[in-house]
C-alpha atoms as a PDB file:
ATOM      1  CA  MET A   1     117.143 104.447  90.916  1.00  0.00           C
ATOM      2  CA  LYS A   2     114.149 105.775  89.012  1.00  0.00           C
ATOM      3  CA  THR A   3     113.498 109.501  88.812  1.00  0.00           C
ATOM      4  CA  LEU A   4     110.031 110.764  89.712  1.00  0.00           C
ATOM      5  CA  ARG A   5     108.346 114.121  89.362  1.00  0.00           C
ATOM      6  CA  ILE A   6     105.063 115.410  90.740  1.00  0.00           C
ATOM      7  CA  VAL A   7     103.080 118.039  88.834  1.00  0.00           C
ATOM      8  CA  SER A   8     100.344 119.559  90.977  1.00  0.00           C
ATOM      9  CA  ALA A   9      98.837 122.953  91.772  1.00  0.00           C
ATOM     10  CA  ASP A  10      98.147 121.740  95.332  1.00  0.00           C
ATOM     11  CA  MET A  11     101.563 122.346  96.866  1.00  0.00           C
ATOM     12  CA  GLU A  12     100.609 121.115 100.337  1.00  0.00           C
ATOM     13  CA  ASN A  13      99.491 117.655  99.198  1.00  0.00           C
ATOM     14  CA  ALA A  14     102.296 117.428  96.640  1.00  0.00           C
ATOM     15  CA  GLN A  15     104.908 118.186  99.289  1.00  0.00           C
ATOM     16  CA  SER A  16     103.417 115.602 101.663  1.00  0.00           C
ATOM     17  CA  LEU A  17     103.595 112.954  98.933  1.00  0.00           C
ATOM     18  CA  GLN A  18     107.108 114.079  97.982  1.00  0.00           C
ATOM     19  CA  THR A  19     108.237 113.726 101.610  1.00  0.00           C
ATOM     20  CA  MET A  20     106.894 110.188 101.832  1.00  0.00           C
ATOM     21  CA  LEU A  21     108.583 109.213  98.577  1.00  0.00           C
ATOM     22  CA  ILE A  22     111.919 110.659  99.669  1.00  0.00           C
ATOM     23  CA  ARG A  23     111.716 108.750 102.953  1.00  0.00           C
ATOM     24  CA  GLY A  24     111.145 105.544 101.021  1.00  0.00           C
ATOM     25  CA  LYS A  25     114.513 106.026  99.263  1.00  0.00           C
ATOM     26  CA  GLN A  26     113.355 104.211  96.140  1.00  0.00           C
ATOM     27  CA  PHE A  27     113.045 107.249  93.857  1.00  0.00           C
ATOM     28  CA  ARG A  28     115.154 110.240  93.019  1.00  0.00           C
ATOM     29  CA  VAL A  29     112.410 112.818  93.422  1.00  0.00           C
ATOM     30  CA  LEU A  30     112.757 115.916  91.242  1.00  0.00           C
ATOM     31  CA  PRO A  31     111.377 119.312  92.356  1.00  0.00           C
ATOM     32  CA  ILE A  32     107.610 119.700  92.207  1.00  0.00           C
ATOM     33  CA  LEU A  33     106.191 121.615  89.247  1.00  0.00           C
ATOM     34  CA  LEU A  34     103.027 123.670  89.677  1.00  0.00           C
ATOM     35  CA  ASP A  35     102.277 124.215  86.009  1.00  0.00           C
ATOM     36  CA  GLY A  36     101.820 121.759  83.168  1.00  0.00           C
ATOM     37  CA  ARG A  37     103.393 124.028  80.563  1.00  0.00           C
ATOM     38  CA  GLU A  38     106.626 124.092  82.546  1.00  0.00           C
ATOM     39  CA  LEU A  39     106.659 120.296  82.518  1.00  0.00           C
ATOM     40  CA  LEU A  40     106.336 120.203  78.722  1.00  0.00           C
ATOM     41  CA  GLU A  41     109.082 122.806  78.355  1.00  0.00           C
ATOM     42  CA  ARG A  42     111.484 121.049  80.708  1.00  0.00           C
ATOM     43  CA  TYR A  43     110.684 117.407  80.102  1.00  0.00           C
ATOM     44  CA  MET A  44     113.207 116.915  77.312  1.00  0.00           C
ATOM     45  CA  GLU A  45     115.933 118.335  79.558  1.00  0.00           C
ATOM     46  CA  ASP A  46     114.915 116.482  82.710  1.00  0.00           C
ATOM     47  CA  ARG A  47     113.700 113.152  81.449  1.00  0.00           C
ATOM     48  CA  THR A  48     111.669 111.326  84.084  1.00  0.00           C
ATOM     49  CA  ASP A  49     110.983 107.646  84.619  1.00  0.00           C
ATOM     50  CA  VAL A  50     107.775 108.225  86.597  1.00  0.00           C
ATOM     51  CA  LEU A  51     105.347 111.149  86.356  1.00  0.00           C
ATOM     52  CA  VAL A  52     102.544 111.878  88.814  1.00  0.00           C
ATOM     53  CA  ILE A  53     100.221 114.490  87.292  1.00  0.00           C
ATOM     54  CA  ASP A  54      97.251 116.231  88.864  1.00  0.00           C
ATOM     55  CA  LEU A  55      94.497 116.525  86.257  1.00  0.00           C
ATOM     56  CA  GLU A  56      93.399 119.870  87.737  1.00  0.00           C
ATOM     57  CA  LEU A  57      96.208 122.198  86.658  1.00  0.00           C
ATOM     58  CA  PRO A  58      96.159 125.951  86.017  1.00  0.00           C
ATOM     59  CA  GLY A  59      96.788 127.314  82.543  1.00  0.00           C
ATOM     60  CA  ILE A  60      96.615 124.007  80.710  1.00  0.00           C
ATOM     61  CA  ASP A  61      94.297 121.065  81.205  1.00  0.00           C
ATOM     62  CA  GLY A  62      95.847 118.020  82.858  1.00  0.00           C
ATOM     63  CA  LEU A  63      94.462 115.808  80.106  1.00  0.00           C
ATOM     64  CA  GLU A  64      96.394 117.820  77.515  1.00  0.00           C
ATOM     65  CA  ILE A  65      99.574 117.144  79.481  1.00  0.00           C
ATOM     66  CA  VAL A  66      98.755 113.431  79.620  1.00  0.00           C
ATOM     67  CA  GLU A  67      98.069 113.321  75.872  1.00  0.00           C
ATOM     68  CA  ALA A  68     101.320 115.166  75.125  1.00  0.00           C
ATOM     69  CA  VAL A  69     103.335 112.751  77.270  1.00  0.00           C
ATOM     70  CA  CYS A  70     101.605 109.749  75.702  1.00  0.00           C
ATOM     71  CA  SER A  71     102.505 111.018  72.227  1.00  0.00           C
ATOM     72  CA  LEU A  72     106.209 110.602  72.999  1.00  0.00           C
ATOM     73  CA  PRO A  73     108.063 107.651  71.464  1.00  0.00           C
ATOM     74  CA  LEU A  74     107.559 104.535  73.560  1.00  0.00           C
ATOM     75  CA  LEU A  75     111.179 104.331  74.730  1.00  0.00           C
ATOM     76  CA  ARG A  76     111.083 107.909  76.002  1.00  0.00           C
ATOM     77  CA  ARG A  77     107.655 107.687  77.625  1.00  0.00           C
ATOM     78  CA  PRO A  78     107.512 107.718  81.456  1.00  0.00           C
ATOM     79  CA  GLN A  79     105.325 105.521  83.595  1.00  0.00           C
ATOM     80  CA  LEU A  80     102.313 107.743  84.098  1.00  0.00           C
ATOM     81  CA  PHE A  81     100.153 108.170  87.186  1.00  0.00           C
ATOM     82  CA  VAL A  82      97.385 110.715  87.608  1.00  0.00           C
ATOM     83  CA  MET A  83      95.576 112.303  90.546  1.00  0.00           C
ATOM     84  CA  ALA A  84      91.914 113.065  89.928  1.00  0.00           C
ATOM     85  CA  GLY A  85      88.899 114.299  91.822  1.00  0.00           C
ATOM     86  CA  GLU A  86      85.225 114.400  90.953  1.00  0.00           C
ATOM     87  CA  GLY A  87      83.915 113.726  87.462  1.00  0.00           C
ATOM     88  CA  THR A  88      86.811 111.493  86.454  1.00  0.00           C
ATOM     89  CA  ALA A  89      84.893 108.856  84.482  1.00  0.00           C
ATOM     90  CA  ALA A  90      85.015 110.571  81.101  1.00  0.00           C
ATOM     91  CA  ALA A  91      88.598 111.657  81.657  1.00  0.00           C
ATOM     92  CA  LEU A  92      89.803 108.136  82.437  1.00  0.00           C
ATOM     93  CA  GLU A  93      87.933 106.705  79.467  1.00  0.00           C
ATOM     94  CA  ARG A  94      89.709 109.205  77.194  1.00  0.00           C
ATOM     95  CA  MET A  95      93.073 108.112  78.540  1.00  0.00           C
ATOM     96  CA  GLY A  96      92.340 104.435  78.063  1.00  0.00           C
ATOM     97  CA  ASP A  97      95.302 102.254  79.026  1.00  0.00           C
ATOM     98  CA  GLU A  98      97.897 105.025  78.801  1.00  0.00           C
ATOM     99  CA  ILE A  99      98.006 105.588  82.554  1.00  0.00           C
ATOM    100  CA  ALA A 100      99.340 103.103  85.067  1.00  0.00           C
ATOM    101  CA  TYR A 101      97.061 104.122  87.940  1.00  0.00           C
ATOM    102  CA  CYS A 102      94.649 106.830  89.057  1.00  0.00           C
ATOM    103  CA  PHE A 103      94.858 108.147  92.623  1.00  0.00           C
ATOM    104  CA  LEU A 104      91.497 109.558  93.659  1.00  0.00           C
ATOM    105  CA  LYS A 105      91.486 112.725  95.738  1.00  0.00           C
ATOM    106  CA  PRO A 106      91.571 113.590  98.583  1.00  0.00           C
ATOM    107  CA  LEU A 107      94.947 111.874  98.583  1.00  0.00           C
ATOM    108  CA  ASP A 108      96.426 109.936 101.487  1.00  0.00           C
ATOM    109  CA  PRO A 109     100.171 110.684 100.942  1.00  0.00           C
ATOM    110  CA  ARG A 110     101.410 107.693 102.948  1.00  0.00           C
ATOM    111  CA  LYS A 111      99.160 105.212 101.145  1.00  0.00           C
ATOM    112  CA  ALA A 112      99.813 106.807  97.733  1.00  0.00           C
ATOM    113  CA  ALA A 113     103.585 106.570  98.256  1.00  0.00           C
ATOM    114  CA  ALA A 114     103.311 102.897  99.192  1.00  0.00           C
ATOM    115  CA  GLN A 115     101.171 102.240  96.107  1.00  0.00           C
ATOM    116  CA  LEU A 116     103.658 104.034  93.863  1.00  0.00           C
ATOM    117  CA  HIS A 117     106.522 101.953  95.219  1.00  0.00           C
ATOM    118  CA  ALA A 118     104.585  98.726  94.674  1.00  0.00           C
ATOM    119  CA  LEU A 119     103.168  99.629  91.262  1.00  0.00           C
ATOM    120  CA  THR A 120     106.484 100.740  89.785  1.00  0.00           C
ATOM    121  CA  ARG A 121     107.993  97.424  90.892  1.00  0.00           C
ATOM    122  CA  GLY A 122     105.090  95.524  89.358  1.00  0.00           C
ATOM    123  CA  GLU A 123     104.031  94.161  92.749  1.00  0.00           C
ATOM    124  CA  ALA A 124     100.455  95.443  92.697  1.00  0.00           C
ATOM    125  CA  PRO A 125      97.788  95.093  90.045  1.00  0.00           C
ATOM    126  CA  VAL A 126      96.717  98.085  88.034  1.00  0.00           C
ATOM    127  CA  ALA A 127      93.172  98.725  89.170  1.00  0.00           C
ATOM    128  CA  ARG A 128      90.682 101.375  88.217  1.00  0.00           C
ATOM    129  CA  PRO A 129      87.125 101.771  89.448  1.00  0.00           C
ATOM    130  CA  ASP A 130      84.596 100.670  86.861  1.00  0.00           C
ATOM    131  CA  TYR A 131      82.964 104.089  86.576  1.00  0.00           C
ATOM    132  CA  ARG A 132      80.257 103.013  84.160  1.00  0.00           C
ATOM    133  CA  TYR A 133      79.219 100.245  86.513  1.00  0.00           C
ATOM    134  CA  VAL A 134      79.178 102.667  89.475  1.00  0.00           C
ATOM    135  CA  GLU A 135      77.018 105.082  87.470  1.00  0.00           C
ATOM    136  CA  TYR A 136      74.677 102.243  86.506  1.00  0.00           C
ATOM    137  CA  LEU A 137      74.162 101.242  90.138  1.00  0.00           C
ATOM    138  CA  VAL A 138      73.713 104.812  91.358  1.00  0.00           C
ATOM    139  CA  THR A 139      71.163 105.546  88.628  1.00  0.00           C
ATOM    140  CA  ARG A 140      69.277 102.339  89.315  1.00  0.00           C
ATOM    141  CA  THR A 141      69.220 103.045  93.064  1.00  0.00           C
ATOM    142  CA  LEU A 142      67.916 106.596  92.660  1.00  0.00           C
ATOM    143  CA  PHE A 143      65.252 105.272  90.302  1.00  0.00           C
ATOM    144  CA  SER A 144      64.133 102.668  92.838  1.00  0.00           C
ATOM    145  CA  LEU A 145      63.865 105.404  95.484  1.00  0.00           C
ATOM    146  CA  GLY A 146      61.610 107.448  93.232  1.00  0.00           C
ATOM    147  CA  VAL A 147      63.867 110.471  92.735  1.00  0.00           C
ATOM    148  CA  PRO A 148      62.375 112.294  89.695  1.00  0.00           C
ATOM    149  CA  PRO A 149      65.018 112.252  86.934  1.00  0.00           C
ATOM    150  CA  HIS A 150      63.815 115.524  85.395  1.00  0.00           C
ATOM    151  CA  LEU A 151      64.864 117.495  88.485  1.00  0.00           C
ATOM    152  CA  GLN A 152      68.268 119.155  88.709  1.00  0.00           C
ATOM    153  CA  GLY A 153      68.601 117.702  92.200  1.00  0.00           C
ATOM    154  CA  TYR A 154      68.519 114.191  90.719  1.00  0.00           C
ATOM    155  CA  HIS A 155      71.638 114.897  88.638  1.00  0.00           C
ATOM    156  CA  LEU A 156      73.356 116.601  91.580  1.00  0.00           C
ATOM    157  CA  LEU A 157      72.610 113.660  93.873  1.00  0.00           C
ATOM    158  CA  ARG A 158      73.861 111.199  91.285  1.00  0.00           C
ATOM    159  CA  GLU A 159      77.187 113.038  90.924  1.00  0.00           C
ATOM    160  CA  ALA A 160      77.519 113.374  94.709  1.00  0.00           C
ATOM    161  CA  ILE A 161      76.937 109.660  95.302  1.00  0.00           C
ATOM    162  CA  LYS A 162      79.376 108.731  92.520  1.00  0.00           C
ATOM    163  CA  LEU A 163      81.959 111.027  94.118  1.00  0.00           C
ATOM    164  CA  VAL A 164      81.592 109.300  97.493  1.00  0.00           C
ATOM    165  CA  ASN A 165      81.706 105.820  95.939  1.00  0.00           C
ATOM    166  CA  CYS A 166      84.841 106.567  93.928  1.00  0.00           C
ATOM    167  CA  ALA A 167      86.776 108.272  96.743  1.00  0.00           C
ATOM    168  CA  GLU A 168      89.538 106.307  98.463  1.00  0.00           C
ATOM    169  CA  HIS A 169      88.539 107.823 101.819  1.00  0.00           C
ATOM    170  CA  PRO A 170      84.836 108.769 101.703  1.00  0.00           C
ATOM    171  CA  SER A 171      84.793 109.758 105.370  1.00  0.00           C
ATOM    172  CA  ALA A 172      87.404 112.433 104.647  1.00  0.00           C
ATOM    173  CA  LEU A 173      85.013 114.238 102.293  1.00  0.00           C
ATOM    174  CA  SER A 174      83.192 117.245 103.683  1.00  0.00           C
ATOM    175  CA  VAL A 175      79.690 117.811 102.356  1.00  0.00           C
ATOM    176  CA  MET A 176      80.042 121.594 102.488  1.00  0.00           C
ATOM    177  CA  LYS A 177      83.699 121.870 101.404  1.00  0.00           C
ATOM    178  CA  ASP A 178      83.969 118.993  98.922  1.00  0.00           C
ATOM    179  CA  ILE A 179      80.692 117.471  97.773  1.00  0.00           C
ATOM    180  CA  TYR A 180      78.534 120.557  97.233  1.00  0.00           C
ATOM    181  CA  PRO A 181      81.230 122.586  95.404  1.00  0.00           C
ATOM    182  CA  ALA A 182      82.229 119.617  93.231  1.00  0.00           C
ATOM    183  CA  THR A 183      78.707 118.721  92.169  1.00  0.00           C
ATOM    184  CA  ALA A 184      77.768 122.385  91.678  1.00  0.00           C
ATOM    185  CA  ARG A 185      80.688 122.830  89.265  1.00  0.00           C
ATOM    186  CA  LEU A 186      79.766 119.686  87.348  1.00  0.00           C
ATOM    187  CA  CYS A 187      76.139 120.760  86.956  1.00  0.00           C
ATOM    188  CA  GLY A 188      76.814 124.454  86.336  1.00  0.00           C
ATOM    189  CA  THR A 189      75.129 125.896  89.409  1.00  0.00           C
ATOM    190  CA  SER A 190      75.989 127.521  92.743  1.00  0.00           C
ATOM    191  CA  VAL A 191      76.661 125.712  96.015  1.00  0.00           C
ATOM    192  CA  SER A 192      73.509 127.124  97.644  1.00  0.00           C
ATOM    193  CA  MET A 193      71.380 126.156  94.639  1.00  0.00           C
ATOM    194  CA  ALA A 194      72.923 122.672  94.623  1.00  0.00           C
ATOM    195  CA  GLU A 195      72.035 122.169  98.283  1.00  0.00           C
ATOM    196  CA  HIS A 196      68.486 123.419  97.709  1.00  0.00           C
ATOM    197  CA  ALA A 197      67.963 121.304  94.571  1.00  0.00           C
ATOM    198  CA  MET A 198      69.148 118.137  96.335  1.00  0.00           C
ATOM    199  CA  ARG A 199      66.778 118.818  99.234  1.00  0.00           C
ATOM    200  CA  HIS A 200      63.855 119.318  96.839  1.00  0.00           C
ATOM    201  CA  ALA A 201      64.648 116.071  94.977  1.00  0.00           C
ATOM    202  CA  ILE A 202      64.838 114.095  98.225  1.00  0.00           C
ATOM    203  CA  GLU A 203      61.524 115.521  99.425  1.00  0.00           C
ATOM    204  CA  CYS A 204      59.881 114.617  96.103  1.00  0.00           C
ATOM    205  CA  ALA A 205      61.270 111.086  96.360  1.00  0.00           C
ATOM    206  CA  TRP A 206      59.981 110.769  99.907  1.00  0.00           C
ATOM    207  CA  MET A 207      56.448 111.554  98.749  1.00  0.00           C
ATOM    208  CA  ARG A 208      56.651 109.040  95.871  1.00  0.00           C
ATOM    209  CA  ALA A 209      58.707 106.136  97.210  1.00  0.00           C
ATOM    210  CA  ASP A 210      57.259 102.941  98.621  1.00  0.00           C
ATOM    211  CA  ILE A 211      57.490 102.742 102.432  1.00  0.00           C
ATOM    212  CA  ASN A 212      59.108  99.295 102.298  1.00  0.00           C
ATOM    213  CA  THR A 213      61.771 100.582  99.920  1.00  0.00           C
ATOM    214  CA  ILE A 214      62.528 103.513 102.229  1.00  0.00           C
ATOM    215  CA  GLN A 215      62.858 101.220 105.245  1.00  0.00           C
ATOM    216  CA  THR A 216      65.071  98.844 103.281  1.00  0.00           C
ATOM    217  CA  PHE A 217      67.486 101.668 102.500  1.00  0.00           C
ATOM    218  CA  PHE A 218      67.279 103.789 105.639  1.00  0.00           C
ATOM    219  CA  GLY A 219      66.044 101.397 108.316  1.00  0.00           C
ATOM    220  CA  TYR A 220      64.786 103.259 111.341  1.00  0.00           C
ATOM    221  CA  THR A 221      67.166 106.223 111.055  1.00  0.00           C
ATOM    222  CA  VAL A 222      64.211 108.246 109.748  1.00  0.00           C
ATOM    223  CA  GLU A 223      60.459 107.878 110.047  1.00  0.00           C
ATOM    224  CA  ALA A 224      58.990 107.236 106.620  1.00  0.00           C
ATOM    225  CA  HIS A 225      55.909 109.443 107.051  1.00  0.00           C
ATOM    226  CA  ARG A 226      57.328 112.224 109.199  1.00  0.00           C
ATOM    227  CA  ASP A 227      60.871 113.056 108.292  1.00  0.00           C
ATOM    228  CA  THR A 228      63.265 113.039 105.364  1.00  0.00           C
ATOM    229  CA  PRO A 229      66.999 112.369 105.759  1.00  0.00           C
ATOM    230  CA  SER A 230      69.389 115.269 105.470  1.00  0.00           C
ATOM    231  CA  ASN A 231      71.219 115.676 102.167  1.00  0.00           C
ATOM    232  CA  SER A 232      74.419 114.244 103.655  1.00  0.00           C
ATOM    233  CA  ALA A 233      72.622 111.288 105.279  1.00  0.00           C
ATOM    234  CA  PHE A 234      70.845 110.490 102.002  1.00  0.00           C
ATOM    235  CA  ILE A 235      74.073 110.702  99.964  1.00  0.00           C
ATOM    236  CA  TYR A 236      76.125 108.536 102.318  1.00  0.00           C
ATOM    237  CA  MET A 237      73.412 105.966 102.965  1.00  0.00           C
ATOM    238  CA  VAL A 238      72.742 105.483  99.262  1.00  0.00           C
ATOM    239  CA  ALA A 239      76.507 105.411  98.584  1.00  0.00           C
ATOM    240  CA  ASP A 240      76.902 102.658 101.193  1.00  0.00           C
ATOM    241  CA  ARG A 241      74.083 100.717  99.577  1.00  0.00           C
ATOM    242  CA  VAL A 242      75.757 101.042  96.178  1.00  0.00           C
ATOM    243  CA  ARG A 243      79.089  99.992  97.686  1.00  0.00           C
ATOM    244  CA  MET A 244      77.478  96.840  99.065  1.00  0.00           C
ATOM    245  CA  ARG A 245      76.235  96.009  95.566  1.00  0.00           C
ATOM    246  CA  LEU A 246      79.668  96.732  94.112  1.00  0.00           C
ATOM    247  CA  ASP A 247      81.192  94.215  96.512  1.00  0.00           C
ATOM    248  CA  SER A 248      78.505  91.601  95.991  1.00  0.00           C
ATOM    249  CA  PRO A 249      79.313  88.612  93.743  1.00  0.00           C
ATOM    250  CA  TRP A 250      75.618  87.759  93.346  1.00  0.00           C
ATOM    251  CA  GLY A 251      72.363  89.059  91.998  1.00  0.00           C
ATOM    252  CA  ASP A 252      72.160  92.459  90.393  1.00  0.00           C
ATOM    253  CA  ALA A 253      75.897  93.076  90.739  1.00  0.00           C
ATOM    254  CA  GLN A 254      76.653  90.157  88.445  1.00  0.00           C
ATOM    255  CA  GLU A 255      73.735  91.064  86.208  1.00  0.00           C
ATOM    256  CA  ALA A 256      74.929  94.669  85.852  1.00  0.00           C
ATOM    257  CA  ARG A 257      78.475  93.649  84.985  1.00  0.00           C
ATOM    258  CA  GLN A 258      77.149  91.398  82.247  1.00  0.00           C
ATOM    259  CA  ALA A 259      74.952  94.255  80.975  1.00  0.00           C
END
């Protein structure tokens, strides 16, 4: 039986995942660690076959933990899984092929446990979102809608839409609790300023965009000349449009992959 350890500052989610893994009876689950330094100090004593590491750890960056684990000799290196939230593209690129899988937050403990069981048995493919492709489509979509790229709201909207597209459960994201705080941190501003900047960017786009383009994206949910969509409606509608392109085997989806 393989040993598994979870390292996460979010005790509630970590315990939920731990419970599901214990019920599955396929791992010997070691106690949860809340700090990455403790893992590095104890790893040589409690060698682990599988590590699940949250990239957002206090005291020491989760990427530093991943790099330290990956520097171990191959025979002593555990199978490595990470949990990540917003802004994960650069982080995953830095890790390359060292990780087995990335679980995007917010985590569904039941689904994550099932994936861990399958992945450690080699029954499921290792799959990561193509973040550069997602960013390409989001950028192209915002451009077609006429969102001015020099505005801070443009960058905030782009990060928000990427966050929704890369989440396992987009409907579980709260605009106020998840999307605004995450994008505000990424762009170095406050939540209230992020909300205001997004609104300004959308209003600017509404004045510039072609009516046919607006109706193509938003249908009759808003009136092109009279009303602009709310920030949340804009983010989720554009994210859905991008998701349709991600799933499409034709046209600009194929063209973008080749690019």
